[in-house]
Every structure is written in C-alpha cells, then in structure tokens.
Amino acid sequence: MVVAAAVTAPTQIRYPATSMTSIFKRAVPAWRIALWSGAAVALLAPWMAMRVTAEVNWTALDFAVFGLMLSAVCAGFEIAMRVSKLWSYRLAAILTVGGCFLMVWANLAVGIIGNEENPRNSMFYAIPLVALAGALVTRLDAQGLKWTLRLMAALQLLIAIVSAALDWALLPVFTAFYVALWLSAAELFARTAQGTPDSLAIR
C-alpha cells in the first residue's frame, strides 16, 4: 500500500520563483528607463514653464520639433548601446549625438550667427548632416566614424574661418568647443577601432 501510494501520489515540481520586477529589469535596463524618462521630462519642461511665466510661449510646432529631436537623440543612444559594448565607442557616440543635438537646438532657438532667422545659420546644419551621412556610409564602423568626426571638426573650423573672413561673426569659443568635442569623439572611435586594451566592455 505504501508503494502504491508513492507511485500514485502527484509529483510536485518546484520552479524557481521569478518576480515580474526581475523580468522587467532584464527586459528594460536602467539606462533605457533613465534615457527615455529624461527625454519625457525635457519635453514637459517648457509646457510646465508656460504655466508659470509668459516668457515661454511654445506652439504645437515647437513641441513637435523638440519631440522629434529628443526621439532622434534617444534612438541614437539606443543604437550605440546595441552596436558595441566598448565604453570608448559608446562615449564617442554620446558626444557626437549630444553635440549635434545641442548645435541644432541652439541654432533653432536663438541662432549662432545673429538670431535664429539669420539665413547664414543654415551652414551649421551641414555638420549634423555629415554625421548622419557618415553613420550610414560606414554602417557605424568605428574606423569610418573616426574619419567622419575628423571631417566634422574640419568643417566646423572652415565655417568659423569663412564667418570671420566675411565679417559675419567671430566664434572662437564656440568653434574651439565643438572642434575639441568632435576630435575627442574621433579619438575614442580610433581607440575602439584599434582595439586598445583599456577599452573596457560594459555589461
């Protein structure tokens, strides 16, 4: 009877308990939550500011453009995180995408030469376009992106020289900042391409 009871008794299989929180954390890393949450807060900031001051007066078009720009930045970061686990590549991508975002936003908001309505400011849009073209042509290869960023630095310097020569504007600080930014990103991409030993992988 004992043997029969043992045979007929249902077997209880214990599975490791997996909480929904742990599943969510694996599916949605903390950096992704912070990235998109930060973008949402940035998009809501001017809307909140409009509630407390008349100095901020955005239209629906302003919010749409800003939302598209934020989405592009977040998408760029997402792609960089998927392409490589090397900190050098990811940091270079962050500098490049972030720098392009700030340049475009400053140009749209207040303008770099004169005000935002000055047609000469359209020159600066060539730099993010070079970044986009370089990413597409090189297929996000670090070696190709290295030369893309160096080209962006040269173009940045050329725009400053032309602006000064034609008495449009003097942009020494602005130009020095961006040339240093592009060259720093180029060096990081170069380190990735060379497989420098201290290029640590991020898990």
C-alpha atoms as a PDB file:
ATOM      1  CA  MET A   1       0.000   0.000   0.000  1.00  0.00           C
ATOM      2  CA  VAL A   2       2.812   2.379   0.810  1.00  0.00           C
ATOM      3  CA  VAL A   3       4.488   1.676  -2.523  1.00  0.00           C
ATOM      4  CA  ALA A   4       1.198   2.177  -4.394  1.00  0.00           C
ATOM      5  CA  ALA A   5       0.562   5.483  -2.645  1.00  0.00           C
ATOM      6  CA  ALA A   6       4.034   6.675  -3.526  1.00  0.00           C
ATOM      7  CA  VAL A   7       3.507   5.790  -7.152  1.00  0.00           C
ATOM      8  CA  THR A   8       0.068   7.341  -7.461  1.00  0.00           C
ATOM      9  CA  ALA A   9       0.843  10.500  -5.454  1.00  0.00           C
ATOM     10  CA  PRO A  10       1.182  13.588  -7.683  1.00  0.00           C
ATOM     11  CA  THR A  11       4.732  14.818  -8.059  1.00  0.00           C
ATOM     12  CA  GLN A  12       5.237  18.425  -7.072  1.00  0.00           C
ATOM     13  CA  ILE A  13       7.825  20.194  -9.195  1.00  0.00           C
ATOM     14  CA  ARG A  14       9.284  23.354  -7.739  1.00  0.00           C
ATOM     15  CA  TYR A  15      10.195  26.058 -10.227  1.00  0.00           C
ATOM     16  CA  PRO A  16      12.437  28.968  -9.280  1.00  0.00           C
ATOM     17  CA  ALA A  17      10.357  31.953  -8.383  1.00  0.00           C
ATOM     18  CA  THR A  18      10.781  34.781 -10.900  1.00  0.00           C
ATOM     19  CA  SER A  19       9.190  38.060  -9.985  1.00  0.00           C
ATOM     20  CA  MET A  20       7.741  40.437 -12.540  1.00  0.00           C
ATOM     21  CA  THR A  21      10.183  43.068 -11.303  1.00  0.00           C
ATOM     22  CA  SER A  22      13.225  40.988 -12.223  1.00  0.00           C
ATOM     23  CA  ILE A  23      11.730  40.186 -15.637  1.00  0.00           C
ATOM     24  CA  PHE A  24      11.072  43.877 -16.233  1.00  0.00           C
ATOM     25  CA  LYS A  25      14.612  44.816 -15.214  1.00  0.00           C
ATOM     26  CA  ARG A  26      16.075  42.315 -17.672  1.00  0.00           C
ATOM     27  CA  ALA A  27      13.816  43.483 -20.484  1.00  0.00           C
ATOM     28  CA  VAL A  28      14.212  47.208 -19.770  1.00  0.00           C
ATOM     29  CA  PRO A  29      17.680  48.149 -18.471  1.00  0.00           C
ATOM     30  CA  ALA A  30      18.037  51.069 -16.076  1.00  0.00           C
ATOM     31  CA  TRP A  31      19.883  53.198 -18.641  1.00  0.00           C
ATOM     32  CA  ARG A  32      16.957  52.891 -21.072  1.00  0.00           C
ATOM     33  CA  ILE A  33      14.446  53.928 -18.426  1.00  0.00           C
ATOM     34  CA  ALA A  34      16.610  56.915 -17.478  1.00  0.00           C
ATOM     35  CA  LEU A  35      17.138  57.884 -21.123  1.00  0.00           C
ATOM     36  CA  TRP A  36      13.513  57.956 -22.198  1.00  0.00           C
ATOM     37  CA  SER A  37      12.290  59.325 -18.859  1.00  0.00           C
ATOM     38  CA  GLY A  38      14.768  62.177 -19.158  1.00  0.00           C
ATOM     39  CA  ALA A  39      13.524  62.911 -22.671  1.00  0.00           C
ATOM     40  CA  ALA A  40       9.925  62.979 -21.438  1.00  0.00           C
ATOM     41  CA  VAL A  41      10.838  65.371 -18.620  1.00  0.00           C
ATOM     42  CA  ALA A  42      12.718  67.620 -21.064  1.00  0.00           C
ATOM     43  CA  LEU A  43       9.686  67.719 -23.351  1.00  0.00           C
ATOM     44  CA  LEU A  44       7.354  68.544 -20.458  1.00  0.00           C
ATOM     45  CA  ALA A  45       9.621  71.266 -19.036  1.00  0.00           C
ATOM     46  CA  PRO A  46       8.611  74.046 -21.472  1.00  0.00           C
ATOM     47  CA  TRP A  47       4.938  73.084 -21.099  1.00  0.00           C
ATOM     48  CA  MET A  48       5.260  73.470 -17.330  1.00  0.00           C
ATOM     49  CA  ALA A  49       7.176  76.733 -17.769  1.00  0.00           C
ATOM     50  CA  MET A  50       4.335  78.124 -19.880  1.00  0.00           C
ATOM     51  CA  ARG A  51       2.054  77.649 -16.877  1.00  0.00           C
ATOM     52  CA  VAL A  52       4.120  79.940 -14.652  1.00  0.00           C
ATOM     53  CA  THR A  53       5.617  82.559 -16.963  1.00  0.00           C
ATOM     54  CA  ALA A  54       4.685  84.380 -20.148  1.00  0.00           C
ATOM     55  CA  GLU A  55       8.313  84.395 -21.268  1.00  0.00           C
ATOM     56  CA  VAL A  56       7.901  80.862 -22.591  1.00  0.00           C
ATOM     57  CA  ASN A  57       5.378  80.668 -25.406  1.00  0.00           C
ATOM     58  CA  TRP A  58       5.752  77.483 -27.435  1.00  0.00           C
ATOM     59  CA  THR A  59       3.493  76.459 -30.272  1.00  0.00           C
ATOM     60  CA  ALA A  60       2.460  72.940 -31.212  1.00  0.00           C
ATOM     61  CA  LEU A  61       5.132  73.034 -33.930  1.00  0.00           C
ATOM     62  CA  ASP A  62       7.803  73.858 -31.346  1.00  0.00           C
ATOM     63  CA  PHE A  63       6.818  70.857 -29.261  1.00  0.00           C
ATOM     64  CA  ALA A  64       6.683  68.617 -32.332  1.00  0.00           C
ATOM     65  CA  VAL A  65      10.174  69.647 -33.475  1.00  0.00           C
ATOM     66  CA  PHE A  66      11.615  69.303 -29.988  1.00  0.00           C
ATOM     67  CA  GLY A  67       9.954  65.914 -29.575  1.00  0.00           C
ATOM     68  CA  LEU A  68      11.413  64.686 -32.860  1.00  0.00           C
ATOM     69  CA  MET A  69      14.867  65.909 -31.842  1.00  0.00           C
ATOM     70  CA  LEU A  70      14.654  64.170 -28.477  1.00  0.00           C
ATOM     71  CA  SER A  71      13.461  60.979 -30.158  1.00  0.00           C
ATOM     72  CA  ALA A  72      16.394  61.135 -32.564  1.00  0.00           C
ATOM     73  CA  VAL A  73      18.835  61.536 -29.672  1.00  0.00           C
ATOM     74  CA  CYS A  74      17.331  58.634 -27.740  1.00  0.00           C
ATOM     75  CA  ALA A  75      17.328  56.453 -30.864  1.00  0.00           C
ATOM     76  CA  GLY A  76      20.976  57.333 -31.473  1.00  0.00           C
ATOM     77  CA  PHE A  77      21.913  56.316 -27.947  1.00  0.00           C
ATOM     78  CA  GLU A  78      19.914  53.098 -28.263  1.00  0.00           C
ATOM     79  CA  ILE A  79      21.728  52.178 -31.479  1.00  0.00           C
ATOM     80  CA  ALA A  80      25.138  52.951 -29.965  1.00  0.00           C
ATOM     81  CA  MET A  81      24.405  50.739 -26.971  1.00  0.00           C
ATOM     82  CA  ARG A  82      23.466  47.858 -29.272  1.00  0.00           C
ATOM     83  CA  VAL A  83      26.342  48.244 -31.741  1.00  0.00           C
ATOM     84  CA  SER A  84      29.187  47.966 -29.245  1.00  0.00           C
ATOM     85  CA  LYS A  85      29.811  47.158 -25.589  1.00  0.00           C
ATOM     86  CA  LEU A  86      33.045  49.140 -25.510  1.00  0.00           C
ATOM     87  CA  TRP A  87      32.914  52.259 -23.379  1.00  0.00           C
ATOM     88  CA  SER A  88      35.060  54.131 -25.911  1.00  0.00           C
ATOM     89  CA  TYR A  89      32.545  53.567 -28.716  1.00  0.00           C
ATOM     90  CA  ARG A  90      29.546  54.399 -26.572  1.00  0.00           C
ATOM     91  CA  LEU A  91      31.105  57.554 -25.151  1.00  0.00           C
ATOM     92  CA  ALA A  92      32.109  58.692 -28.637  1.00  0.00           C
ATOM     93  CA  ALA A  93      28.555  58.152 -29.824  1.00  0.00           C
ATOM     94  CA  ILE A  94      27.163  60.080 -26.859  1.00  0.00           C
ATOM     95  CA  LEU A  95      29.482  63.020 -27.565  1.00  0.00           C
ATOM     96  CA  THR A  96      28.570  63.002 -31.248  1.00  0.00           C
ATOM     97  CA  VAL A  97      24.809  62.694 -30.866  1.00  0.00           C
ATOM     98  CA  GLY A  98      24.675  65.070 -27.912  1.00  0.00           C
ATOM     99  CA  GLY A  99      26.848  67.655 -29.653  1.00  0.00           C
ATOM    100  CA  CYS A 100      24.718  67.581 -32.798  1.00  0.00           C
ATOM    101  CA  PHE A 101      21.558  67.933 -30.729  1.00  0.00           C
ATOM    102  CA  LEU A 102      22.866  70.965 -28.831  1.00  0.00           C
ATOM    103  CA  MET A 103      24.062  72.645 -32.019  1.00  0.00           C
ATOM    104  CA  VAL A 104      20.767  72.199 -33.837  1.00  0.00           C
ATOM    105  CA  TRP A 105      18.737  73.243 -30.812  1.00  0.00           C
ATOM    106  CA  ALA A 106      20.823  76.388 -30.203  1.00  0.00           C
ATOM    107  CA  ASN A 107      20.541  77.265 -33.883  1.00  0.00           C
ATOM    108  CA  LEU A 108      16.768  76.881 -33.859  1.00  0.00           C
ATOM    109  CA  ALA A 109      16.230  78.603 -30.521  1.00  0.00           C
ATOM    110  CA  VAL A 110      18.460  81.684 -30.658  1.00  0.00           C
ATOM    111  CA  GLY A 111      20.735  81.307 -33.663  1.00  0.00           C
ATOM    112  CA  ILE A 112      24.521  81.044 -33.686  1.00  0.00           C
ATOM    113  CA  ILE A 113      25.154  83.986 -36.009  1.00  0.00           C
ATOM    114  CA  GLY A 114      22.850  86.868 -35.149  1.00  0.00           C
ATOM    115  CA  ASN A 115      19.443  85.394 -34.363  1.00  0.00           C
ATOM    116  CA  GLU A 116      17.537  82.283 -35.358  1.00  0.00           C
ATOM    117  CA  GLU A 117      16.201  83.980 -38.507  1.00  0.00           C
ATOM    118  CA  ASN A 118      19.650  84.676 -39.962  1.00  0.00           C
ATOM    119  CA  PRO A 119      19.995  82.518 -43.125  1.00  0.00           C
ATOM    120  CA  ARG A 120      23.736  82.179 -42.525  1.00  0.00           C
ATOM    121  CA  ASN A 121      22.976  79.825 -39.669  1.00  0.00           C
ATOM    122  CA  SER A 122      21.977  77.188 -42.214  1.00  0.00           C
ATOM    123  CA  MET A 123      25.706  76.463 -42.647  1.00  0.00           C
ATOM    124  CA  PHE A 124      25.805  74.776 -39.262  1.00  0.00           C
ATOM    125  CA  TYR A 125      23.219  72.179 -40.263  1.00  0.00           C
ATOM    126  CA  ALA A 126      25.824  70.722 -42.604  1.00  0.00           C
ATOM    127  CA  ILE A 127      27.716  69.310 -39.625  1.00  0.00           C
ATOM    128  CA  PRO A 128      24.928  67.044 -38.278  1.00  0.00           C
ATOM    129  CA  LEU A 129      24.205  66.022 -41.884  1.00  0.00           C
ATOM    130  CA  VAL A 130      27.834  64.932 -42.270  1.00  0.00           C
ATOM    131  CA  ALA A 131      27.468  62.895 -39.067  1.00  0.00           C
ATOM    132  CA  LEU A 132      24.314  61.217 -40.390  1.00  0.00           C
ATOM    133  CA  ALA A 133      25.847  60.534 -43.797  1.00  0.00           C
ATOM    134  CA  GLY A 134      28.992  59.133 -42.192  1.00  0.00           C
ATOM    135  CA  ALA A 135      26.970  56.808 -39.962  1.00  0.00           C
ATOM    136  CA  LEU A 136      25.039  55.480 -42.957  1.00  0.00           C
ATOM    137  CA  VAL A 137      28.026  55.103 -45.289  1.00  0.00           C
ATOM    138  CA  THR A 138      30.286  53.464 -42.704  1.00  0.00           C
ATOM    139  CA  ARG A 139      27.456  51.378 -41.211  1.00  0.00           C
ATOM    140  CA  LEU A 140      28.521  52.634 -37.791  1.00  0.00           C
ATOM    141  CA  ASP A 141      32.007  51.162 -38.130  1.00  0.00           C
ATOM    142  CA  ALA A 142      34.400  52.772 -35.643  1.00  0.00           C
ATOM    143  CA  GLN A 143      37.176  53.233 -38.208  1.00  0.00           C
ATOM    144  CA  GLY A 144      34.862  55.067 -40.595  1.00  0.00           C
ATOM    145  CA  LEU A 145      33.291  57.130 -37.838  1.00  0.00           C
ATOM    146  CA  LYS A 146      36.747  58.260 -36.775  1.00  0.00           C
ATOM    147  CA  TRP A 147      37.231  59.952 -40.146  1.00  0.00           C
ATOM    148  CA  THR A 148      33.667  61.254 -40.115  1.00  0.00           C
ATOM    149  CA  LEU A 149      34.276  63.084 -36.852  1.00  0.00           C
ATOM    150  CA  ARG A 150      37.565  64.495 -38.128  1.00  0.00           C
ATOM    151  CA  LEU A 151      35.756  65.780 -41.187  1.00  0.00           C
ATOM    152  CA  MET A 152      33.165  67.396 -38.923  1.00  0.00           C
ATOM    153  CA  ALA A 153      35.921  69.128 -36.956  1.00  0.00           C
ATOM    154  CA  ALA A 154      37.487  70.432 -40.189  1.00  0.00           C
ATOM    155  CA  LEU A 155      34.110  71.665 -41.421  1.00  0.00           C
ATOM    156  CA  GLN A 156      33.465  73.376 -38.090  1.00  0.00           C
ATOM    157  CA  LEU A 157      36.766  75.208 -38.378  1.00  0.00           C
ATOM    158  CA  LEU A 158      36.091  76.128 -42.006  1.00  0.00           C
ATOM    159  CA  ILE A 159      32.727  77.677 -41.127  1.00  0.00           C
ATOM    160  CA  ALA A 160      34.394  79.771 -38.422  1.00  0.00           C
ATOM    161  CA  ILE A 161      37.105  80.970 -40.830  1.00  0.00           C
ATOM    162  CA  VAL A 162      34.547  81.886 -43.513  1.00  0.00           C
ATOM    163  CA  SER A 163      32.374  83.702 -40.956  1.00  0.00           C
ATOM    164  CA  ALA A 164      35.325  85.730 -39.717  1.00  0.00           C
ATOM    165  CA  ALA A 165      36.674  86.467 -43.197  1.00  0.00           C
ATOM    166  CA  LEU A 166      33.294  87.783 -44.380  1.00  0.00           C
ATOM    167  CA  ASP A 167      32.705  89.733 -41.142  1.00  0.00           C
ATOM    168  CA  TRP A 168      29.625  87.699 -40.297  1.00  0.00           C
ATOM    169  CA  ALA A 169      30.694  86.747 -36.787  1.00  0.00           C
ATOM    170  CA  LEU A 170      33.637  85.797 -34.627  1.00  0.00           C
ATOM    171  CA  LEU A 171      33.077  82.419 -32.977  1.00  0.00           C
ATOM    172  CA  PRO A 172      36.330  81.475 -31.226  1.00  0.00           C
ATOM    173  CA  VAL A 173      34.858  79.902 -28.068  1.00  0.00           C
ATOM    174  CA  PHE A 174      32.000  78.159 -29.858  1.00  0.00           C
ATOM    175  CA  THR A 175      34.323  76.816 -32.546  1.00  0.00           C
ATOM    176  CA  ALA A 176      37.019  75.706 -30.102  1.00  0.00           C
ATOM    177  CA  PHE A 177      34.438  73.855 -28.017  1.00  0.00           C
ATOM    178  CA  TYR A 178      32.993  71.933 -30.942  1.00  0.00           C
ATOM    179  CA  VAL A 179      36.296  71.212 -32.654  1.00  0.00           C
ATOM    180  CA  ALA A 180      37.572  69.763 -29.375  1.00  0.00           C
ATOM    181  CA  LEU A 181      34.333  67.793 -28.967  1.00  0.00           C
ATOM    182  CA  TRP A 182      34.472  66.269 -32.468  1.00  0.00           C
ATOM    183  CA  LEU A 183      38.163  65.440 -32.209  1.00  0.00           C
ATOM    184  CA  SER A 184      37.649  63.843 -28.797  1.00  0.00           C
ATOM    185  CA  ALA A 185      34.909  61.644 -30.226  1.00  0.00           C
ATOM    186  CA  ALA A 186      37.150  60.813 -33.196  1.00  0.00           C
ATOM    187  CA  GLU A 187      39.926  59.723 -30.840  1.00  0.00           C
ATOM    188  CA  LEU A 188      37.532  57.496 -28.919  1.00  0.00           C
ATOM    189  CA  PHE A 189      36.349  55.869 -32.145  1.00  0.00           C
ATOM    190  CA  ALA A 190      40.009  55.396 -33.111  1.00  0.00           C
ATOM    191  CA  ARG A 191      40.693  53.643 -29.802  1.00  0.00           C
ATOM    192  CA  THR A 192      37.772  51.350 -30.464  1.00  0.00           C
ATOM    193  CA  ALA A 193      38.967  50.554 -33.990  1.00  0.00           C
ATOM    194  CA  GLN A 194      42.492  49.810 -32.767  1.00  0.00           C
ATOM    195  CA  GLY A 195      41.226  47.544 -30.010  1.00  0.00           C
ATOM    196  CA  THR A 196      43.107  49.448 -27.313  1.00  0.00           C
ATOM    197  CA  PRO A 197      43.456  47.161 -24.245  1.00  0.00           C
ATOM    198  CA  ASP A 198      41.940  49.665 -21.832  1.00  0.00           C
ATOM    199  CA  SER A 199      38.728  49.857 -23.888  1.00  0.00           C
ATOM    200  CA  LEU A 200      36.668  48.059 -21.277  1.00  0.00           C
ATOM    201  CA  ALA A 201      33.407  46.376 -22.161  1.00  0.00           C
ATOM    202  CA  ILE A 202      30.245  47.450 -20.401  1.00  0.00           C
ATOM    203  CA  ARG A 203      27.973  44.619 -19.368  1.00  0.00           C
END
